[in-house]
Amino acid sequence: MARAQIGKGIPAAYVNRLLNGESAPRLYRDLTQAALAEQDGVNRATAAEIGTGRKQGPVATLRALATSLDVPQDEIT
């Protein structure tokens, strides 16, 4: 309940997903982990781990993800 009240102008489902650690740029572009991974030719689990900061990916992978999300590469790492 409290989580949903944080983002009065933002749908509660998005607020809760952000608070659970999902990628803001990916959510903003309405991409699933699977769609982003497929678009960039990356394994979904790898994209997820990079997106949540659990894993550092190769530069080429980070560049591809950053390009797809239209963010600077350092926002991916």
N, C-alpha and C. Protein backbone atom coordinates (compact mmCIF):
# COMPACT_ATOMS: atom_id res chain seq x y z
N MET A 1 0.82 -1.19 0.00
CA MET A 1 0.00 0.00 0.00
C MET A 1 0.87 1.26 0.00
N ALA A 2 1.86 1.31 0.89
CA ALA A 2 2.72 2.49 0.97
C ALA A 2 3.51 2.68 -0.33
N ARG A 3 3.94 1.57 -0.89
CA ARG A 3 4.71 1.66 -2.14
C ARG A 3 3.89 2.33 -3.23
N ALA A 4 2.65 1.98 -3.34
CA ALA A 4 1.79 2.52 -4.39
C ALA A 4 1.55 4.01 -4.19
N GLN A 5 1.54 4.49 -2.96
CA GLN A 5 1.28 5.90 -2.69
C GLN A 5 2.46 6.79 -3.03
N ILE A 6 3.65 6.23 -3.14
CA ILE A 6 4.84 7.02 -3.43
C ILE A 6 4.70 7.76 -4.76
N GLY A 7 4.23 7.09 -5.79
CA GLY A 7 4.17 7.68 -7.12
C GLY A 7 2.77 8.04 -7.54
N LYS A 8 2.20 9.04 -6.93
CA LYS A 8 0.81 9.39 -7.21
C LYS A 8 0.54 9.60 -8.70
N GLY A 9 1.48 10.22 -9.43
CA GLY A 9 1.28 10.45 -10.84
C GLY A 9 1.78 9.32 -11.72
N ILE A 10 2.37 8.32 -11.11
CA ILE A 10 2.93 7.18 -11.83
C ILE A 10 2.13 5.95 -11.41
N PRO A 11 1.74 5.11 -12.34
CA PRO A 11 0.98 3.92 -11.96
C PRO A 11 1.73 3.10 -10.91
N ALA A 12 1.00 2.63 -9.92
CA ALA A 12 1.59 1.88 -8.81
C ALA A 12 2.39 0.68 -9.29
N ALA A 13 1.95 0.03 -10.34
CA ALA A 13 2.66 -1.15 -10.84
C ALA A 13 4.09 -0.77 -11.26
N TYR A 14 4.26 0.39 -11.90
CA TYR A 14 5.59 0.83 -12.31
C TYR A 14 6.44 1.20 -11.10
N VAL A 15 5.85 1.91 -10.15
CA VAL A 15 6.58 2.29 -8.93
C VAL A 15 7.08 1.04 -8.23
N ASN A 16 6.23 0.06 -8.08
CA ASN A 16 6.62 -1.17 -7.40
C ASN A 16 7.72 -1.91 -8.16
N ARG A 17 7.64 -1.92 -9.48
CA ARG A 17 8.68 -2.58 -10.28
C ARG A 17 10.02 -1.86 -10.14
N LEU A 18 9.99 -0.53 -10.11
CA LEU A 18 11.23 0.24 -9.91
C LEU A 18 11.82 -0.04 -8.53
N LEU A 19 10.97 -0.06 -7.52
CA LEU A 19 11.43 -0.32 -6.16
C LEU A 19 11.97 -1.74 -6.01
N ASN A 20 11.53 -2.63 -6.86
CA ASN A 20 12.04 -4.01 -6.83
C ASN A 20 13.32 -4.15 -7.65
N GLY A 21 13.84 -3.05 -8.19
CA GLY A 21 15.14 -3.08 -8.84
C GLY A 21 15.12 -3.20 -10.36
N GLU A 22 13.96 -3.07 -10.98
CA GLU A 22 13.93 -3.16 -12.44
C GLU A 22 14.50 -1.89 -13.06
N SER A 23 14.97 -2.01 -14.27
CA SER A 23 15.61 -0.91 -14.99
C SER A 23 14.60 0.16 -15.40
N ALA A 24 14.85 1.40 -14.94
CA ALA A 24 13.95 2.50 -15.30
C ALA A 24 13.89 2.74 -16.81
N PRO A 25 15.05 2.80 -17.51
CA PRO A 25 14.97 3.02 -18.96
C PRO A 25 14.21 1.89 -19.68
N ARG A 26 14.39 0.65 -19.23
CA ARG A 26 13.71 -0.47 -19.87
C ARG A 26 12.20 -0.37 -19.62
N LEU A 27 11.82 -0.04 -18.40
CA LEU A 27 10.40 0.11 -18.09
C LEU A 27 9.79 1.28 -18.87
N TYR A 28 10.53 2.39 -18.95
CA TYR A 28 10.05 3.57 -19.66
C TYR A 28 9.76 3.24 -21.13
N ARG A 29 10.61 2.41 -21.71
CA ARG A 29 10.43 2.04 -23.11
C ARG A 29 9.52 0.83 -23.28
N ASP A 30 8.98 0.37 -22.16
CA ASP A 30 8.02 -0.75 -22.14
C ASP A 30 8.60 -2.00 -22.79
N LEU A 31 9.88 -2.27 -22.48
CA LEU A 31 10.54 -3.47 -22.98
C LEU A 31 10.64 -4.51 -21.88
N THR A 32 10.34 -5.73 -22.19
CA THR A 32 10.60 -6.80 -21.24
C THR A 32 12.08 -7.15 -21.31
N GLN A 33 12.56 -7.85 -20.29
CA GLN A 33 13.95 -8.31 -20.33
C GLN A 33 14.17 -9.16 -21.57
N ALA A 34 13.22 -10.03 -21.87
CA ALA A 34 13.35 -10.92 -23.03
C ALA A 34 13.42 -10.13 -24.33
N ALA A 35 12.56 -9.11 -24.48
CA ALA A 35 12.54 -8.32 -25.71
C ALA A 35 13.85 -7.54 -25.89
N LEU A 36 14.34 -6.95 -24.80
CA LEU A 36 15.59 -6.21 -24.87
C LEU A 36 16.74 -7.15 -25.22
N ALA A 37 16.78 -8.28 -24.57
CA ALA A 37 17.85 -9.25 -24.83
C ALA A 37 17.81 -9.75 -26.27
N GLU A 38 16.63 -10.07 -26.76
CA GLU A 38 16.50 -10.55 -28.13
C GLU A 38 16.92 -9.47 -29.12
N GLN A 39 16.50 -8.26 -28.87
CA GLN A 39 16.83 -7.13 -29.76
C GLN A 39 18.34 -6.94 -29.86
N ASP A 40 19.05 -7.22 -28.76
CA ASP A 40 20.50 -7.00 -28.74
C ASP A 40 21.31 -8.27 -28.92
N GLY A 41 20.64 -9.40 -29.09
CA GLY A 41 21.35 -10.67 -29.27
C GLY A 41 22.08 -11.11 -28.02
N VAL A 42 21.48 -10.82 -26.87
CA VAL A 42 22.07 -11.15 -25.58
C VAL A 42 21.17 -12.16 -24.88
N ASN A 43 21.77 -13.02 -24.08
CA ASN A 43 20.99 -13.95 -23.27
C ASN A 43 20.13 -13.16 -22.29
N ARG A 44 18.87 -13.54 -22.10
CA ARG A 44 17.95 -12.81 -21.23
C ARG A 44 18.48 -12.73 -19.80
N ALA A 45 19.01 -13.83 -19.30
CA ALA A 45 19.53 -13.83 -17.94
C ALA A 45 20.71 -12.87 -17.79
N THR A 46 21.54 -12.81 -18.80
CA THR A 46 22.68 -11.89 -18.77
C THR A 46 22.19 -10.44 -18.77
N ALA A 47 21.24 -10.13 -19.63
CA ALA A 47 20.68 -8.78 -19.68
C ALA A 47 20.06 -8.41 -18.33
N ALA A 48 19.37 -9.35 -17.71
CA ALA A 48 18.74 -9.11 -16.42
C ALA A 48 19.79 -8.85 -15.34
N GLU A 49 20.83 -9.64 -15.32
CA GLU A 49 21.87 -9.48 -14.30
C GLU A 49 22.62 -8.16 -14.48
N ILE A 50 22.86 -7.77 -15.71
CA ILE A 50 23.51 -6.48 -15.97
C ILE A 50 22.57 -5.35 -15.56
N GLY A 51 21.30 -5.47 -15.92
CA GLY A 51 20.32 -4.43 -15.61
C GLY A 51 20.10 -4.20 -14.13
N THR A 52 20.28 -5.24 -13.33
CA THR A 52 20.10 -5.10 -11.89
C THR A 52 21.42 -4.88 -11.16
N GLY A 53 22.53 -4.83 -11.91
CA GLY A 53 23.82 -4.58 -11.30
C GLY A 53 24.49 -5.78 -10.68
N ARG A 54 23.94 -6.96 -10.89
CA ARG A 54 24.54 -8.16 -10.32
C ARG A 54 25.72 -8.68 -11.13
N LYS A 55 25.83 -8.21 -12.36
CA LYS A 55 26.89 -8.71 -13.24
C LYS A 55 27.41 -7.56 -14.09
N GLN A 56 28.69 -7.59 -14.36
CA GLN A 56 29.31 -6.63 -15.28
C GLN A 56 29.49 -7.35 -16.61
N GLY A 57 28.93 -6.83 -17.66
CA GLY A 57 29.02 -7.50 -18.96
C GLY A 57 30.17 -6.99 -19.80
N PRO A 58 30.42 -7.66 -20.92
CA PRO A 58 31.44 -7.20 -21.86
C PRO A 58 31.06 -5.82 -22.43
N VAL A 59 32.04 -5.05 -22.82
CA VAL A 59 31.81 -3.70 -23.33
C VAL A 59 30.84 -3.71 -24.51
N ALA A 60 30.98 -4.67 -25.40
CA ALA A 60 30.08 -4.73 -26.57
C ALA A 60 28.63 -4.93 -26.13
N THR A 61 28.41 -5.76 -25.13
CA THR A 61 27.06 -5.99 -24.62
C THR A 61 26.52 -4.74 -23.96
N LEU A 62 27.33 -4.10 -23.15
CA LEU A 62 26.89 -2.86 -22.48
C LEU A 62 26.56 -1.78 -23.51
N ARG A 63 27.38 -1.69 -24.55
CA ARG A 63 27.14 -0.70 -25.60
C ARG A 63 25.81 -0.98 -26.30
N ALA A 64 25.56 -2.24 -26.62
CA ALA A 64 24.31 -2.61 -27.30
C ALA A 64 23.10 -2.30 -26.44
N LEU A 65 23.17 -2.64 -25.15
CA LEU A 65 22.05 -2.36 -24.25
C LEU A 65 21.83 -0.86 -24.11
N ALA A 66 22.90 -0.10 -23.95
CA ALA A 66 22.79 1.35 -23.81
C ALA A 66 22.19 1.98 -25.07
N THR A 67 22.61 1.50 -26.22
CA THR A 67 22.08 2.03 -27.48
C THR A 67 20.59 1.73 -27.59
N SER A 68 20.19 0.52 -27.28
CA SER A 68 18.78 0.15 -27.36
C SER A 68 17.91 0.95 -26.40
N LEU A 69 18.47 1.26 -25.23
CA LEU A 69 17.72 2.00 -24.22
C LEU A 69 17.89 3.51 -24.35
N ASP A 70 18.77 3.93 -25.29
CA ASP A 70 19.03 5.34 -25.53
C ASP A 70 19.49 6.06 -24.26
N VAL A 71 20.46 5.43 -23.59
CA VAL A 71 21.06 6.02 -22.39
C VAL A 71 22.58 5.93 -22.53
N PRO A 72 23.31 6.76 -21.79
CA PRO A 72 24.77 6.64 -21.81
C PRO A 72 25.19 5.26 -21.26
N GLN A 73 26.29 4.76 -21.78
CA GLN A 73 26.74 3.43 -21.38
C GLN A 73 26.99 3.33 -19.88
N ASP A 74 27.44 4.40 -19.24
CA ASP A 74 27.72 4.33 -17.81
C ASP A 74 26.46 4.18 -16.96
N GLU A 75 25.29 4.42 -17.54
CA GLU A 75 24.03 4.17 -16.82
C GLU A 75 23.68 2.68 -16.81
N ILE A 76 24.31 1.92 -17.67
CA ILE A 76 24.07 0.47 -17.72
C ILE A 76 24.94 -0.24 -16.68
N THR A 77 26.11 0.30 -16.42
CA THR A 77 27.06 -0.36 -15.52
C THR A 77 26.82 -0.02 -14.08
